[in-house]
Amino acid sequence: MPKIVVVDDHAVVRSGLMSLLSGKHGNEVIGEATNGEEGIQAALTLKPDVVLMDLNMPGMDGLAATAELKRLMPEVEVLVLTMHDDDEYLFQAIHAGASGYVLKSAPHEELLLAIRSVSNGQAYLYPTATKRLMHEYMERLKNGEPAGTYETLSEREKEVIALLAKGFSNKEIAEQLIISVKTVETHKSNAMEKLGLKTRPELVKYAAQKGWLTFE
């Protein structure tokens, strides 16, 4: 049962989200906050599984709060819920460590799916976001920027990081590939180091650029 903290500066929005989420698919809303600072404090005190984070708030905004929260509590998943259908905000949120990005205009079912996904260790981007990430990657290639060091990975390393990006756990990957969990961890570590990646959101962005992911 994922425990959720809602961070948004509009009382009506918070109230609506708390009403929508409570009890749906086992969700439990355990706290709320009106800005980034309060959101971080609430997370430190209440220890949620997921923080539902708005971006534009007085004081510390959602991007800064996401980065600080992930530094303090890397185990907490941050799902950005925003009105901004904007590339720059999307990329900044991923860079800050957010595991998902959903628009406030999205259907309720999409928000519930996104919460379920990130609470299970997966990533969630709204459908057109994946296309944008891939477009950015293609533009970089057209402009002569390096495509990365994917070719230096072994076939097993490629399999492991592709499955990781899709949200599978180390144990699930080990079972699929018929190898030990320790071997999965070794391949993961080696691949992430070769690619210059440090976090799951960075891996998800890389996977999206490679065209490995399909978001419903």
Protein backbone atom coordinates (compact mmCIF):
# COMPACT_ATOMS: atom_id res chain seq x y z
CA MET A 1 0.00 0.00 0.00
CA PRO A 2 1.87 3.12 -1.17
CA LYS A 3 1.90 5.99 1.29
CA ILE A 4 1.66 9.39 -0.38
CA VAL A 5 2.43 12.99 0.54
CA VAL A 6 0.78 15.65 -1.64
CA VAL A 7 2.74 18.89 -2.19
CA ASP A 8 0.85 21.73 -3.89
CA ASP A 9 0.31 25.37 -2.96
CA HIS A 10 -3.38 25.38 -3.91
CA ALA A 11 -5.65 24.12 -1.13
CA VAL A 12 -8.42 23.13 -3.54
CA VAL A 13 -6.00 21.06 -5.63
CA ARG A 14 -4.60 19.32 -2.54
CA SER A 15 -8.07 18.57 -1.25
CA GLY A 16 -9.16 17.18 -4.60
CA LEU A 17 -6.08 14.99 -4.94
CA MET A 18 -6.38 13.65 -1.42
CA SER A 19 -10.02 12.79 -2.00
CA LEU A 20 -9.24 11.14 -5.34
CA LEU A 21 -6.29 9.10 -4.12
CA SER A 22 -7.35 7.91 -0.69
CA GLY A 23 -8.27 4.27 -0.82
CA LYS A 24 -7.85 3.94 -4.59
CA HIS A 25 -5.69 0.95 -5.57
CA GLY A 26 -4.49 0.70 -1.97
CA ASN A 27 -3.18 4.28 -1.88
CA GLU A 28 -2.95 6.02 1.49
CA VAL A 29 -2.46 9.80 1.65
CA ILE A 30 -0.55 10.41 4.87
CA GLY A 31 0.28 14.11 4.57
CA GLU A 32 0.19 17.34 2.63
CA ALA A 33 2.36 20.43 2.20
CA THR A 34 2.06 23.84 0.54
CA ASN A 35 5.63 24.30 -0.74
CA GLY A 36 8.95 22.58 -1.23
CA GLU A 37 10.33 23.17 2.24
CA GLU A 38 7.19 21.83 3.89
CA GLY A 39 7.17 18.91 1.48
CA ILE A 40 10.69 17.87 2.44
CA GLN A 41 9.91 18.19 6.14
CA ALA A 42 6.73 16.16 5.74
CA ALA A 43 8.64 13.44 3.91
CA LEU A 44 11.36 13.31 6.55
CA THR A 45 8.73 13.03 9.29
CA LEU A 46 6.16 10.76 7.66
CA LYS A 47 8.44 8.63 5.42
CA PRO A 48 6.12 8.19 2.42
CA ASP A 49 6.70 5.90 -0.54
CA VAL A 50 5.71 8.57 -3.05
CA VAL A 51 5.71 12.37 -2.98
CA LEU A 52 3.31 13.95 -5.46
CA MET A 53 5.10 17.21 -6.31
CA ASP A 54 3.84 20.39 -7.95
CA LEU A 55 6.48 22.52 -9.70
CA ASN A 56 5.49 26.17 -9.27
CA MET A 57 5.17 27.01 -5.59
CA PRO A 58 6.23 29.97 -3.42
CA GLY A 59 9.56 29.61 -1.64
CA MET A 60 11.35 26.44 -2.66
CA ASP A 61 9.84 25.25 -5.94
CA GLY A 62 9.18 21.64 -6.94
CA LEU A 63 12.40 21.18 -8.90
CA ALA A 64 14.63 22.31 -6.04
CA ALA A 65 12.56 20.32 -3.55
CA THR A 66 12.81 17.17 -5.68
CA ALA A 67 16.59 17.42 -5.91
CA GLU A 68 16.96 18.02 -2.17
CA LEU A 69 14.49 15.30 -1.24
CA LYS A 70 16.29 12.74 -3.42
CA ARG A 71 19.57 13.74 -1.79
CA LEU A 72 18.14 13.25 1.69
CA MET A 73 15.83 10.31 0.99
CA PRO A 74 16.85 8.55 -2.25
CA GLU A 75 14.42 5.72 -1.50
CA VAL A 76 11.39 8.03 -1.83
CA GLU A 77 9.89 8.25 -5.32
CA VAL A 78 8.92 11.71 -6.58
CA LEU A 79 6.09 12.01 -9.10
CA VAL A 80 5.78 15.47 -10.62
CA LEU A 81 2.19 16.60 -11.21
CA THR A 82 2.15 19.87 -13.12
CA MET A 83 0.31 22.03 -15.62
CA HIS A 84 3.52 22.50 -17.65
CA ASP A 85 3.56 20.50 -20.87
CA ASP A 86 7.04 21.81 -21.53
CA ASP A 87 10.30 20.16 -22.58
CA GLU A 88 12.49 22.23 -20.29
CA TYR A 89 10.48 21.46 -17.17
CA LEU A 90 10.34 17.78 -18.14
CA PHE A 91 14.11 17.47 -18.56
CA GLN A 92 14.82 19.46 -15.40
CA ALA A 93 12.47 17.25 -13.39
CA ILE A 94 14.20 14.08 -14.63
CA HIS A 95 17.60 15.59 -13.92
CA ALA A 96 16.45 16.51 -10.39
CA GLY A 97 15.59 12.86 -9.77
CA ALA A 98 11.86 12.61 -10.39
CA SER A 99 10.66 9.12 -11.31
CA GLY A 100 7.60 10.35 -13.15
CA TYR A 101 5.99 13.36 -14.81
CA VAL A 102 2.23 13.72 -15.24
CA LEU A 103 0.11 16.64 -16.43
CA LYS A 104 -2.71 18.00 -14.27
CA SER A 105 -4.92 17.78 -17.33
CA ALA A 106 -4.45 14.00 -17.48
CA PRO A 107 -7.37 11.65 -16.74
CA HIS A 108 -7.61 10.38 -13.17
CA GLU A 109 -6.80 6.87 -14.36
CA GLU A 110 -3.45 8.04 -15.73
CA LEU A 111 -2.48 9.62 -12.42
CA LEU A 112 -3.38 6.44 -10.55
CA LEU A 113 -1.34 4.40 -13.03
CA ALA A 114 1.62 6.73 -12.63
CA ILE A 115 1.51 6.44 -8.83
CA ARG A 116 1.32 2.67 -9.04
CA SER A 117 4.23 2.59 -11.47
CA VAL A 118 6.63 4.75 -9.47
CA SER A 119 5.68 3.09 -6.18
CA ASN A 120 6.74 -0.21 -7.78
CA GLY A 121 10.13 1.22 -8.71
CA GLN A 122 9.22 1.88 -12.33
CA ALA A 123 9.24 5.17 -14.19
CA TYR A 124 6.29 6.95 -15.72
CA LEU A 125 6.21 9.66 -18.38
CA TYR A 126 3.08 10.84 -20.11
CA PRO A 127 2.96 9.45 -23.68
CA THR A 128 4.20 12.42 -25.70
CA ALA A 129 7.12 12.91 -23.30
CA THR A 130 8.80 9.76 -24.61
CA LYS A 131 8.58 11.09 -28.15
CA ARG A 132 10.17 14.34 -27.02
CA LEU A 133 13.08 12.58 -25.38
CA MET A 134 13.67 10.57 -28.54
CA HIS A 135 13.42 13.73 -30.67
CA GLU A 136 16.03 15.45 -28.48
CA TYR A 137 18.34 12.47 -28.90
CA MET A 138 17.98 12.50 -32.69
CA GLU A 139 18.64 16.23 -32.80
CA ARG A 140 21.84 15.72 -30.82
CA LEU A 141 22.99 13.16 -33.34
CA LYS A 142 22.16 15.46 -36.25
CA ASN A 143 24.21 18.20 -34.60
CA GLY A 144 27.22 15.91 -34.41
CA GLU A 145 27.12 15.22 -30.68
CA PRO A 146 28.40 11.80 -29.55
CA ALA A 147 25.84 9.00 -29.39
CA GLY A 148 27.27 7.64 -26.16
CA THR A 149 29.16 4.48 -25.32
CA TYR A 150 26.36 1.96 -25.72
CA GLU A 151 28.46 -0.03 -28.17
CA THR A 152 31.02 -0.70 -25.42
CA LEU A 153 28.49 -2.69 -23.37
CA SER A 154 28.41 -6.46 -23.46
CA GLU A 155 25.22 -8.12 -24.68
CA ARG A 156 24.38 -9.16 -21.11
CA GLU A 157 24.92 -5.63 -19.82
CA LYS A 158 22.55 -4.34 -22.50
CA GLU A 159 19.91 -6.87 -21.47
CA VAL A 160 20.23 -5.99 -17.79
CA ILE A 161 19.95 -2.21 -18.15
CA ALA A 162 17.06 -2.50 -20.63
CA LEU A 163 15.11 -4.56 -18.09
CA LEU A 164 16.08 -2.22 -15.25
CA ALA A 165 14.79 0.77 -17.20
CA LYS A 166 11.47 -1.01 -17.69
CA GLY A 167 11.10 -1.31 -13.93
CA PHE A 168 12.11 -4.91 -13.24
CA SER A 169 13.85 -5.62 -9.93
CA ASN A 170 17.27 -7.26 -9.69
CA LYS A 171 15.60 -10.49 -8.55
CA GLU A 172 13.14 -10.47 -11.46
CA ILE A 173 15.97 -9.85 -13.94
CA ALA A 174 17.98 -12.69 -12.44
CA GLU A 175 15.03 -15.04 -12.89
CA GLN A 176 14.42 -13.93 -16.49
CA LEU A 177 18.06 -14.22 -17.53
CA ILE A 178 18.76 -17.29 -15.36
CA ILE A 179 21.69 -15.68 -13.55
CA SER A 180 22.32 -14.79 -9.93
CA VAL A 181 21.20 -11.51 -8.32
CA LYS A 182 24.85 -10.74 -7.60
CA THR A 183 25.67 -11.11 -11.29
CA VAL A 184 22.81 -8.75 -12.18
CA GLU A 185 24.17 -6.17 -9.74
CA THR A 186 27.64 -6.49 -11.27
CA HIS A 187 26.35 -6.03 -14.82
CA LYS A 188 24.23 -3.08 -13.69
CA SER A 189 27.16 -1.38 -11.99
CA ASN A 190 29.49 -1.90 -14.95
CA ALA A 191 26.92 -0.69 -17.49
CA MET A 192 25.95 2.40 -15.51
CA GLU A 193 29.61 3.33 -15.09
CA LYS A 194 30.34 2.89 -18.81
CA LEU A 195 27.34 5.06 -19.73
CA GLY A 196 28.10 7.72 -17.15
CA LEU A 197 24.71 7.23 -15.45
CA LYS A 198 24.13 7.42 -11.70
CA THR A 199 20.39 7.24 -11.06
CA ARG A 200 17.34 5.32 -12.28
CA PRO A 201 15.75 8.49 -13.80
CA GLU A 202 18.91 9.04 -15.85
CA LEU A 203 18.74 5.42 -16.99
CA VAL A 204 15.08 5.81 -17.93
CA LYS A 205 15.84 8.91 -19.98
CA TYR A 206 18.67 7.06 -21.73
CA ALA A 207 16.38 4.08 -22.38
CA ALA A 208 13.69 6.34 -23.81
CA GLN A 209 16.24 7.90 -26.13
CA LYS A 210 17.20 4.40 -27.26
CA GLY A 211 13.56 3.58 -27.97
CA TRP A 212 13.38 0.77 -25.42
CA LEU A 213 10.33 2.04 -23.55
CA THR A 214 6.65 2.13 -24.35
CA PHE A 215 4.38 4.06 -22.00
CA GLU A 216 0.67 3.40 -22.14
